[in-house]
Amino acid sequence: MLQYIADSSGKITGVFIPYNDWEKLVKKYKGIENDIFEVPEWHKKIVLERIKKYETSPEKMLNWDDVSKRLDEKYK
């Protein structure tokens, strides 16, 4: 069974596919697994740096829902 991931406003932002269903998709759509890629080391480094900044100063971070609303308002 698919599980939908939603943000705090209820907007669907992702889908979790159980492994058995994934195997069926791979058999049905040859090559779909080639769309999977490894995250580059430089990207992992940036994410780890940002996590460290958050852990040392969480009060400086912005809430994604607030940022998203501001962007929607700015670029409507």
N, C-alpha and C. Protein backbone atom coordinates (compact mmCIF):
# COMPACT_ATOMS: atom_id res chain seq x y z
N MET A 1 0.84 -1.18 0.00
CA MET A 1 0.00 0.00 0.00
C MET A 1 0.89 1.25 0.00
N LEU A 2 0.58 2.19 -0.87
CA LEU A 2 1.32 3.44 -0.91
C LEU A 2 1.01 4.28 0.33
N GLN A 3 2.02 5.00 0.80
CA GLN A 3 1.82 5.92 1.91
C GLN A 3 2.18 7.31 1.42
N TYR A 4 1.29 8.24 1.60
CA TYR A 4 1.52 9.60 1.15
C TYR A 4 2.11 10.43 2.28
N ILE A 5 3.03 11.28 1.94
CA ILE A 5 3.68 12.16 2.91
C ILE A 5 3.17 13.57 2.64
N ALA A 6 2.70 14.24 3.69
CA ALA A 6 2.12 15.57 3.52
C ALA A 6 2.79 16.56 4.46
N ASP A 7 2.76 17.85 4.05
CA ASP A 7 3.29 18.88 4.93
C ASP A 7 2.23 19.29 5.94
N SER A 8 2.52 20.29 6.75
CA SER A 8 1.60 20.66 7.82
C SER A 8 0.27 21.23 7.32
N SER A 9 0.22 21.65 6.05
CA SER A 9 -1.04 22.16 5.51
C SER A 9 -1.84 21.06 4.81
N GLY A 10 -1.29 19.85 4.78
CA GLY A 10 -2.00 18.74 4.15
C GLY A 10 -1.63 18.51 2.70
N LYS A 11 -0.75 19.35 2.15
CA LYS A 11 -0.32 19.20 0.76
C LYS A 11 0.60 17.98 0.65
N ILE A 12 0.30 17.09 -0.30
CA ILE A 12 1.13 15.90 -0.49
C ILE A 12 2.47 16.31 -1.08
N THR A 13 3.54 15.87 -0.40
CA THR A 13 4.89 16.23 -0.83
C THR A 13 5.73 15.03 -1.24
N GLY A 14 5.21 13.83 -1.01
CA GLY A 14 5.97 12.64 -1.38
C GLY A 14 5.14 11.38 -1.25
N VAL A 15 5.73 10.29 -1.71
CA VAL A 15 5.06 9.00 -1.66
C VAL A 15 6.07 7.95 -1.23
N PHE A 16 5.69 7.10 -0.30
CA PHE A 16 6.50 5.97 0.10
C PHE A 16 5.97 4.75 -0.62
N ILE A 17 6.87 4.06 -1.34
CA ILE A 17 6.48 2.87 -2.08
C ILE A 17 7.08 1.65 -1.38
N PRO A 18 6.27 0.73 -0.91
CA PRO A 18 6.82 -0.48 -0.29
C PRO A 18 7.71 -1.24 -1.28
N TYR A 19 8.70 -1.93 -0.75
CA TYR A 19 9.69 -2.59 -1.60
C TYR A 19 9.06 -3.59 -2.58
N ASN A 20 8.09 -4.36 -2.14
CA ASN A 20 7.44 -5.32 -3.04
C ASN A 20 6.80 -4.62 -4.24
N ASP A 21 6.18 -3.47 -4.00
CA ASP A 21 5.59 -2.69 -5.09
C ASP A 21 6.69 -2.13 -6.00
N TRP A 22 7.79 -1.73 -5.41
CA TRP A 22 8.92 -1.22 -6.20
C TRP A 22 9.44 -2.31 -7.14
N GLU A 23 9.57 -3.53 -6.62
CA GLU A 23 10.03 -4.64 -7.47
C GLU A 23 9.09 -4.86 -8.66
N LYS A 24 7.79 -4.73 -8.43
CA LYS A 24 6.83 -4.88 -9.52
C LYS A 24 7.01 -3.78 -10.56
N LEU A 25 7.24 -2.56 -10.09
CA LEU A 25 7.47 -1.44 -11.02
C LEU A 25 8.73 -1.65 -11.85
N VAL A 26 9.78 -2.15 -11.21
CA VAL A 26 11.05 -2.39 -11.91
C VAL A 26 10.85 -3.43 -13.01
N LYS A 27 10.06 -4.47 -12.72
CA LYS A 27 9.80 -5.50 -13.73
C LYS A 27 8.94 -4.96 -14.87
N LYS A 28 7.96 -4.13 -14.52
CA LYS A 28 7.03 -3.61 -15.53
C LYS A 28 7.67 -2.53 -16.40
N TYR A 29 8.47 -1.65 -15.78
CA TYR A 29 9.07 -0.53 -16.50
C TYR A 29 10.59 -0.70 -16.51
N LYS A 30 11.07 -1.42 -17.48
CA LYS A 30 12.50 -1.70 -17.57
C LYS A 30 13.30 -0.40 -17.58
N GLY A 31 14.33 -0.35 -16.76
CA GLY A 31 15.22 0.81 -16.71
C GLY A 31 14.84 1.83 -15.66
N ILE A 32 13.69 1.66 -15.01
CA ILE A 32 13.27 2.65 -14.01
C ILE A 32 14.29 2.77 -12.88
N GLU A 33 14.94 1.66 -12.56
CA GLU A 33 15.92 1.69 -11.47
C GLU A 33 17.15 2.52 -11.81
N ASN A 34 17.34 2.81 -13.09
CA ASN A 34 18.48 3.64 -13.50
C ASN A 34 18.30 5.10 -13.11
N ASP A 35 17.07 5.46 -12.74
CA ASP A 35 16.79 6.83 -12.31
C ASP A 35 17.28 7.08 -10.89
N ILE A 36 17.68 6.04 -10.19
CA ILE A 36 18.19 6.17 -8.82
C ILE A 36 19.66 6.55 -8.90
N PHE A 37 20.08 7.48 -8.07
CA PHE A 37 21.47 7.90 -8.10
C PHE A 37 22.00 8.09 -6.69
N GLU A 38 23.29 8.09 -6.59
CA GLU A 38 23.95 8.32 -5.31
C GLU A 38 24.06 9.82 -5.07
N VAL A 39 23.94 10.22 -3.83
CA VAL A 39 24.13 11.62 -3.47
C VAL A 39 25.64 11.88 -3.46
N PRO A 40 26.09 12.92 -4.18
CA PRO A 40 27.53 13.21 -4.23
C PRO A 40 28.07 13.59 -2.85
N GLU A 41 29.33 13.30 -2.61
CA GLU A 41 29.96 13.59 -1.32
C GLU A 41 29.89 15.08 -0.98
N TRP A 42 30.07 15.95 -1.99
CA TRP A 42 30.05 17.39 -1.71
C TRP A 42 28.67 17.81 -1.19
N HIS A 43 27.63 17.14 -1.67
CA HIS A 43 26.28 17.47 -1.22
C HIS A 43 26.06 16.98 0.21
N LYS A 44 26.55 15.79 0.50
CA LYS A 44 26.44 15.26 1.86
C LYS A 44 27.15 16.19 2.85
N LYS A 45 28.31 16.71 2.44
CA LYS A 45 29.08 17.61 3.29
C LYS A 45 28.28 18.88 3.62
N ILE A 46 27.64 19.44 2.60
CA ILE A 46 26.83 20.65 2.81
C ILE A 46 25.68 20.37 3.77
N VAL A 47 25.02 19.24 3.59
CA VAL A 47 23.89 18.89 4.46
C VAL A 47 24.37 18.72 5.89
N LEU A 48 25.49 18.04 6.09
CA LEU A 48 26.02 17.84 7.44
C LEU A 48 26.40 19.18 8.08
N GLU A 49 26.97 20.10 7.30
CA GLU A 49 27.29 21.43 7.82
C GLU A 49 26.03 22.16 8.26
N ARG A 50 24.98 22.06 7.47
CA ARG A 50 23.72 22.73 7.80
C ARG A 50 23.07 22.12 9.04
N ILE A 51 23.16 20.82 9.18
CA ILE A 51 22.64 20.16 10.38
C ILE A 51 23.39 20.65 11.61
N LYS A 52 24.70 20.77 11.50
CA LYS A 52 25.51 21.25 12.61
C LYS A 52 25.12 22.68 12.99
N LYS A 53 24.92 23.54 11.99
CA LYS A 53 24.48 24.92 12.25
C LYS A 53 23.14 24.93 12.97
N TYR A 54 22.24 24.06 12.53
CA TYR A 54 20.93 23.98 13.17
C TYR A 54 21.07 23.55 14.62
N GLU A 55 21.88 22.56 14.86
CA GLU A 55 22.03 22.04 16.22
C GLU A 55 22.64 23.07 17.17
N THR A 56 23.51 23.94 16.64
CA THR A 56 24.13 24.95 17.50
C THR A 56 23.29 26.22 17.64
N SER A 57 22.42 26.50 16.65
CA SER A 57 21.60 27.72 16.69
C SER A 57 20.22 27.51 16.07
N PRO A 58 19.41 26.65 16.64
CA PRO A 58 18.10 26.38 16.03
C PRO A 58 17.20 27.61 15.94
N GLU A 59 17.40 28.56 16.83
CA GLU A 59 16.56 29.77 16.81
C GLU A 59 16.78 30.62 15.57
N LYS A 60 17.89 30.43 14.87
CA LYS A 60 18.19 31.20 13.66
C LYS A 60 17.57 30.60 12.40
N MET A 61 17.05 29.41 12.52
CA MET A 61 16.50 28.71 11.36
C MET A 61 15.07 29.16 11.07
N LEU A 62 14.69 29.04 9.81
CA LEU A 62 13.36 29.42 9.38
C LEU A 62 12.49 28.17 9.23
N ASN A 63 11.21 28.32 9.53
CA ASN A 63 10.24 27.26 9.36
C ASN A 63 9.90 27.15 7.87
N TRP A 64 9.98 25.94 7.31
CA TRP A 64 9.75 25.78 5.87
C TRP A 64 8.36 26.24 5.45
N ASP A 65 7.35 25.98 6.24
CA ASP A 65 6.00 26.40 5.88
C ASP A 65 5.92 27.92 5.74
N ASP A 66 6.58 28.66 6.66
CA ASP A 66 6.59 30.13 6.58
C ASP A 66 7.35 30.60 5.34
N VAL A 67 8.48 30.00 5.07
CA VAL A 67 9.27 30.37 3.89
C VAL A 67 8.48 30.09 2.62
N SER A 68 7.85 28.93 2.57
CA SER A 68 7.06 28.56 1.40
C SER A 68 5.93 29.56 1.15
N LYS A 69 5.24 29.97 2.22
CA LYS A 69 4.16 30.95 2.08
C LYS A 69 4.70 32.28 1.55
N ARG A 70 5.85 32.71 2.09
CA ARG A 70 6.44 33.96 1.63
C ARG A 70 6.81 33.89 0.15
N LEU A 71 7.37 32.76 -0.26
CA LEU A 71 7.74 32.60 -1.67
C LEU A 71 6.51 32.58 -2.56
N ASP A 72 5.45 31.89 -2.12
CA ASP A 72 4.21 31.86 -2.89
C ASP A 72 3.65 33.25 -3.06
N GLU A 73 3.66 34.05 -1.99
CA GLU A 73 3.14 35.41 -2.05
C GLU A 73 3.99 36.28 -2.97
N LYS A 74 5.28 36.11 -2.89
CA LYS A 74 6.21 36.94 -3.68
C LYS A 74 6.14 36.63 -5.17
N TYR A 75 5.96 35.36 -5.52
CA TYR A 75 6.03 34.95 -6.93
C TYR A 75 4.70 34.52 -7.54
N LYS A 76 3.62 35.01 -6.99
CA LYS A 76 2.29 34.70 -7.57
C LYS A 76 2.09 35.44 -8.85
